[in-house]
C-alpha cells in the first residue's frame, strides 16, 4: 500500500480552471487499487468546500497544524494564545493584513477582509465577495481565545516591512513565504506556524498513527510551504509550475498543473 499526499493550490487546483479533472480521475483510480490519498494543505477544513467532490482518506491542514481523518480531527498542534497576541500586535503596528486560522474558521482583520474584497475582481474562481468569504471559511476578527489557532496568514505592503516584522517575530514561530503559488504577492506575505510544525511533520505523525512506513510515501507540491513535505516523503514530486526551491529538493519534476502533471507523475511511478 502506498500513501500519497497532495497540496491543493497549484497542485490539484489551478488558479485558472479549478480542480484538474485528470488529477481527480488519477486519485480515484489509485484509491481503487488500494492506495491511500490525503490532502496536505495550508487551508483549514472549512475552506475545502471548493473540492468537496474529491474523495480522500484524510487531510493534513493548516500546514501540518491539524490532522483530520475518519470524519473527525485527530490531532492539533496550536500556537499559544500569548504568542498569537504578540504576533497580532506587531502586525497591527505595521498595518498588516492577517488571518488567524483554527480547524474550522479563519478570523480576519479589517485589512485582510478589504484585501479579499478587492481580489474578487481578478480572481476567476469567485463571482462575489460573499462567495469568496464563505469559501475561505472567513469571519471578522474578534476574540480568538476560545479557538485553537493553528496557523496565521500575514501580509504587508512591501518586502521591507515583512523583513522588519521577521526581526521581532516570536522565536517559537516560522514563516513560509507564499511567493511559490502567489507570485503577485512576492515575499511580502506568508504563512506562520509553530517552528516544529509543517507539512512534513504532519505526514510523519500521520504515518506513525497508521503504523505505516515512510518508504511508501509520495508527496506532490509546488510552493514554499511544500518544501518539508517534498523532503519528508520518500518520493518528493514537484509540479512543473513549482517554485525553483521546491524543484531543487524534489526527486522528480512532473509537468505543469494545467498539462495534467499529477496524472503524468502517477503514471511514471506506476501508481495508476
Protein backbone atom coordinates (compact mmCIF):
# COMPACT_ATOMS: atom_id res chain seq x y z
CA UNK A 1 0.00 0.00 0.00
CA UNK A 2 1.25 3.47 -0.93
CA UNK A 3 0.45 6.77 0.81
CA UNK A 4 0.06 9.83 -1.40
CA UNK A 5 -0.01 13.42 -0.10
CA UNK A 6 -1.25 16.27 -2.29
CA UNK A 7 -1.00 20.01 -1.90
CA UNK A 8 -4.11 21.76 -3.24
CA UNK A 9 -3.46 25.19 -4.76
CA UNK A 10 -1.11 24.98 -7.72
CA UNK A 11 -1.03 21.18 -7.49
CA UNK A 12 -4.60 19.84 -7.71
CA UNK A 13 -6.43 23.13 -8.18
CA UNK A 14 -5.42 25.56 -10.91
CA UNK A 15 -5.87 29.27 -10.36
CA UNK A 16 -7.23 29.36 -13.91
CA UNK A 17 -9.52 26.34 -14.16
CA UNK A 18 -10.15 24.91 -10.69
CA UNK A 19 -9.79 21.20 -9.83
CA UNK A 20 -7.95 19.42 -12.66
CA UNK A 21 -10.19 16.59 -14.00
CA UNK A 22 -7.27 14.29 -14.83
CA UNK A 23 -5.90 14.65 -11.28
CA UNK A 24 -9.28 13.75 -9.79
CA UNK A 25 -9.53 10.72 -12.06
CA UNK A 26 -5.98 9.58 -11.19
CA UNK A 27 -6.69 9.83 -7.45
CA UNK A 28 -9.89 7.83 -7.85
CA UNK A 29 -8.00 5.14 -9.76
CA UNK A 30 -5.11 4.79 -7.30
CA UNK A 31 -7.57 4.56 -4.40
CA UNK A 32 -9.41 1.78 -6.25
CA UNK A 33 -6.09 -0.03 -6.38
CA UNK A 34 -5.85 0.16 -2.58
CA UNK A 35 -3.56 3.14 -2.08
CA UNK A 36 -4.36 5.91 0.40
CA UNK A 37 -4.62 9.57 -0.65
CA UNK A 38 -4.50 12.60 1.62
CA UNK A 39 -4.73 16.34 1.15
CA UNK A 40 -1.76 18.19 2.64
CA UNK A 41 -2.63 21.85 2.58
CA UNK A 42 -2.25 25.26 4.11
CA UNK A 43 -6.03 25.64 4.06
CA UNK A 44 -8.23 24.92 7.07
CA UNK A 45 -11.11 22.44 6.95
CA UNK A 46 -13.93 24.88 6.21
CA UNK A 47 -12.15 26.12 3.07
CA UNK A 48 -12.20 22.72 1.36
CA UNK A 49 -15.74 23.12 0.00
CA UNK A 50 -14.44 24.02 -3.47
CA UNK A 51 -13.03 20.49 -3.83
CA UNK A 52 -15.77 18.61 -1.99
CA UNK A 53 -16.26 16.30 -4.97
CA UNK A 54 -12.74 14.92 -4.40
CA UNK A 55 -12.92 11.95 -2.03
CA UNK A 56 -9.79 11.46 0.07
CA UNK A 57 -8.71 9.34 3.02
CA UNK A 58 -7.87 12.30 5.23
CA UNK A 59 -6.46 15.81 5.45
CA UNK A 60 -3.34 17.36 6.91
CA UNK A 61 -4.35 21.00 7.14
CA UNK A 62 -3.02 24.39 8.27
CA UNK A 63 0.45 23.35 7.06
CA UNK A 64 0.60 20.42 9.46
CA UNK A 65 -1.16 22.14 12.34
CA UNK A 66 -4.03 19.66 12.26
CA UNK A 67 -4.89 16.15 11.06
CA UNK A 68 -8.41 15.10 10.06
CA UNK A 69 -9.42 11.51 9.32
CA UNK A 70 -12.49 9.27 9.63
CA UNK A 71 -14.77 12.29 9.97
CA UNK A 72 -13.01 13.93 12.92
CA UNK A 73 -9.99 15.98 13.94
CA UNK A 74 -7.49 13.54 15.44
CA UNK A 75 -4.59 15.88 16.25
CA UNK A 76 -3.83 19.60 16.54
CA UNK A 77 -0.62 21.49 17.33
CA UNK A 78 -1.81 25.02 18.18
CA UNK A 79 0.14 28.26 18.57
CA UNK A 80 -0.02 29.50 22.20
CA UNK A 81 -2.52 32.35 22.65
CA UNK A 82 0.12 34.64 24.13
CA UNK A 83 2.24 34.19 21.02
CA UNK A 84 -0.79 34.90 18.82
CA UNK A 85 -1.40 38.14 20.72
CA UNK A 86 2.18 39.35 20.24
CA UNK A 87 2.06 38.45 16.56
CA UNK A 88 -1.18 40.36 16.02
CA UNK A 89 0.22 43.36 17.91
CA UNK A 90 3.34 43.51 15.72
CA UNK A 91 1.25 43.07 12.56
CA UNK A 92 -1.08 45.91 13.54
CA UNK A 93 1.89 48.20 14.24
CA UNK A 94 2.96 47.65 10.64
CA UNK A 95 -0.57 47.97 9.18
CA UNK A 96 -0.51 44.35 8.05
CA UNK A 97 -3.25 42.02 6.89
CA UNK A 98 -3.69 38.86 8.92
CA UNK A 99 -5.94 35.88 9.45
CA UNK A 100 -5.85 33.53 12.44
CA UNK A 101 -6.92 30.01 11.48
CA UNK A 102 -8.42 27.32 13.66
CA UNK A 103 -9.62 23.98 12.27
CA UNK A 104 -12.91 25.43 11.06
CA UNK A 105 -12.72 29.22 10.97
CA UNK A 106 -10.45 31.99 9.72
CA UNK A 107 -10.58 35.18 11.81
CA UNK A 108 -9.58 38.12 9.60
CA UNK A 109 -8.75 41.71 10.48
CA UNK A 110 -10.41 44.52 8.50
CA UNK A 111 -7.37 44.94 6.26
CA UNK A 112 -7.46 41.27 5.25
CA UNK A 113 -11.20 41.42 4.56
CA UNK A 114 -10.66 44.50 2.40
CA UNK A 115 -7.87 42.70 0.54
CA UNK A 116 -10.23 39.81 -0.22
CA UNK A 117 -12.98 42.21 -1.28
CA UNK A 118 -10.65 43.82 -3.85
CA UNK A 119 -9.20 40.50 -5.05
CA UNK A 120 -12.61 39.23 -6.19
CA UNK A 121 -12.31 41.45 -9.27
CA UNK A 122 -9.33 39.47 -10.60
CA UNK A 123 -9.94 36.03 -9.09
CA UNK A 124 -11.87 33.96 -11.66
CA UNK A 125 -12.83 31.31 -9.10
CA UNK A 126 -15.37 33.52 -7.30
CA UNK A 127 -18.20 35.72 -8.54
CA UNK A 128 -18.84 37.74 -5.39
CA UNK A 129 -17.09 38.88 -2.22
CA UNK A 130 -19.57 36.88 -0.12
CA UNK A 131 -18.85 33.71 -2.12
CA UNK A 132 -15.11 34.08 -1.57
CA UNK A 133 -15.52 34.77 2.15
CA UNK A 134 -17.65 31.63 2.50
CA UNK A 135 -15.10 29.59 0.54
CA UNK A 136 -12.38 30.80 2.91
CA UNK A 137 -14.42 29.93 5.99
CA UNK A 138 -13.85 33.54 6.97
CA UNK A 139 -15.22 35.69 9.77
CA UNK A 140 -14.33 39.16 11.12
CA UNK A 141 -11.56 39.19 13.71
CA UNK A 142 -12.98 39.08 17.23
CA UNK A 143 -11.89 37.14 20.30
CA UNK A 144 -9.88 34.06 19.37
CA UNK A 145 -9.17 32.75 22.85
CA UNK A 146 -11.90 30.14 22.55
CA UNK A 147 -10.20 28.83 19.39
CA UNK A 148 -7.09 26.71 18.87
CA UNK A 149 -5.09 28.82 16.43
CA UNK A 150 -3.06 26.57 14.14
CA UNK A 151 -1.79 29.00 11.51
CA UNK A 152 -1.56 32.74 10.87
CA UNK A 153 -1.64 34.15 7.34
CA UNK A 154 0.04 37.54 7.21
CA UNK A 155 0.95 40.19 4.65
CA UNK A 156 2.42 43.66 4.42
CA UNK A 157 2.61 46.48 1.89
CA UNK A 158 6.15 45.57 0.81
CA UNK A 159 9.03 43.19 1.47
CA UNK A 160 10.88 45.72 3.60
CA UNK A 161 8.06 45.77 6.14
CA UNK A 162 7.96 41.98 6.12
CA UNK A 163 11.71 41.88 6.81
CA UNK A 164 11.21 44.26 9.73
CA UNK A 165 8.39 42.11 11.11
CA UNK A 166 10.52 38.97 10.90
CA UNK A 167 13.13 40.59 13.15
CA UNK A 168 10.61 40.67 16.01
CA UNK A 169 8.59 37.54 15.23
CA UNK A 170 8.43 35.16 18.18
CA UNK A 171 11.24 32.56 18.03
CA UNK A 172 8.66 29.80 18.56
CA UNK A 173 7.31 30.58 15.09
CA UNK A 174 8.43 30.29 11.50
CA UNK A 175 7.14 31.80 8.28
CA UNK A 176 6.80 30.14 4.87
CA UNK A 177 6.61 32.61 2.00
CA UNK A 178 3.58 32.37 -0.28
CA UNK A 179 5.64 33.50 -3.26
CA UNK A 180 5.61 29.98 -4.69
CA UNK A 181 1.91 29.95 -5.55
CA UNK A 182 1.08 33.66 -5.33
CA UNK A 183 3.79 35.40 -7.32
CA UNK A 184 1.89 38.70 -7.26
CA UNK A 185 2.43 38.85 -3.51
CA UNK A 186 6.18 38.33 -3.81
CA UNK A 187 7.78 37.77 -0.43
CA UNK A 188 5.63 40.28 1.41
CA UNK A 189 3.15 37.67 2.58
CA UNK A 190 3.42 34.29 4.24
CA UNK A 191 2.01 31.59 6.49
CA UNK A 192 3.09 31.30 10.11
CA UNK A 193 3.05 28.11 12.17
CA UNK A 194 4.90 26.85 15.19
CA UNK A 195 8.54 26.22 14.35
CA UNK A 196 8.12 22.49 14.97
CA UNK A 197 5.05 22.23 12.71
CA UNK A 198 4.98 21.86 8.94
CA UNK A 199 3.52 19.60 6.27
CA UNK A 200 6.41 17.18 6.65
CA UNK A 201 5.93 16.72 10.40
CA UNK A 202 2.21 16.29 9.80
CA UNK A 203 2.90 13.46 7.37
CA UNK A 204 5.36 11.86 9.77
CA UNK A 205 2.79 11.93 12.60
CA UNK A 206 0.01 10.53 10.41
CA UNK A 207 2.16 7.72 9.05
CA UNK A 208 3.11 6.79 12.63
CA UNK A 209 -0.57 6.77 13.65
CA UNK A 210 -1.35 4.42 10.75
CA UNK A 211 1.54 2.11 11.60
CA UNK A 212 2.82 2.59 8.05
CA UNK A 213 6.32 3.11 6.67
CA UNK A 214 7.72 6.40 5.31
CA UNK A 215 9.32 4.46 2.44
CA UNK A 216 5.83 4.13 0.94
CA UNK A 217 5.10 7.88 0.84
CA UNK A 218 4.76 10.23 -2.13
CA UNK A 219 4.38 14.00 -1.83
CA UNK A 220 3.14 16.33 -4.59
CA UNK A 221 3.60 20.10 -4.29
CA UNK A 222 4.56 23.40 -5.86
CA UNK A 223 5.12 26.07 -3.21
CA UNK A 224 7.43 27.08 -0.39
CA UNK A 225 5.15 25.57 2.23
CA UNK A 226 5.56 22.21 0.43
CA UNK A 227 9.32 22.02 0.95
CA UNK A 228 9.21 19.92 4.11
CA UNK A 229 6.61 17.61 2.55
CA UNK A 230 8.81 17.11 -0.51
CA UNK A 231 11.80 16.36 1.70
CA UNK A 232 9.96 14.17 4.22
CA UNK A 233 8.27 11.86 1.72
CA UNK A 234 10.33 9.03 0.27
CA UNK A 235 9.40 10.30 -3.19
CA UNK A 236 9.04 14.06 -3.48
CA UNK A 237 7.40 15.31 -6.69
CA UNK A 238 7.43 18.96 -7.78
CA UNK A 239 4.92 20.32 -10.24
CA UNK A 240 6.28 21.82 -13.45
CA UNK A 241 4.93 25.16 -12.24
CA UNK A 242 6.63 24.80 -8.84
CA UNK A 243 8.83 27.40 -7.22
CA UNK A 244 12.52 26.83 -8.06
CA UNK A 245 13.49 25.93 -4.49
CA UNK A 246 10.84 23.18 -4.48
CA UNK A 247 12.14 21.74 -7.76
CA UNK A 248 15.65 21.69 -6.31
CA UNK A 249 14.52 19.49 -3.39
CA UNK A 250 12.30 17.16 -5.42
CA UNK A 251 13.30 13.74 -6.66
CA UNK A 252 11.09 14.15 -9.72
CA UNK A 253 9.68 17.14 -11.62
CA UNK A 254 6.43 16.47 -13.41
CA UNK A 255 4.55 18.55 -15.95
CA UNK A 256 2.71 21.79 -15.24
CA UNK A 257 -0.61 21.54 -13.37
CA UNK A 258 -2.52 22.61 -16.49
CA UNK A 259 -0.69 19.96 -18.53
CA UNK A 260 -2.03 17.10 -16.37
CA UNK A 261 1.08 16.98 -14.20
CA UNK A 262 -0.47 14.84 -11.45
CA UNK A 263 -1.64 12.17 -13.87
CA UNK A 264 1.75 12.20 -15.62
CA UNK A 265 3.67 11.68 -12.36
CA UNK A 266 1.35 8.96 -11.09
CA UNK A 267 1.73 7.03 -14.34
CA UNK A 268 5.52 7.46 -14.15
CA UNK A 269 5.59 5.86 -10.68
CA UNK A 270 3.07 3.13 -11.60
CA UNK A 271 0.53 4.47 -9.12
CA UNK A 272 -2.21 4.20 -11.75
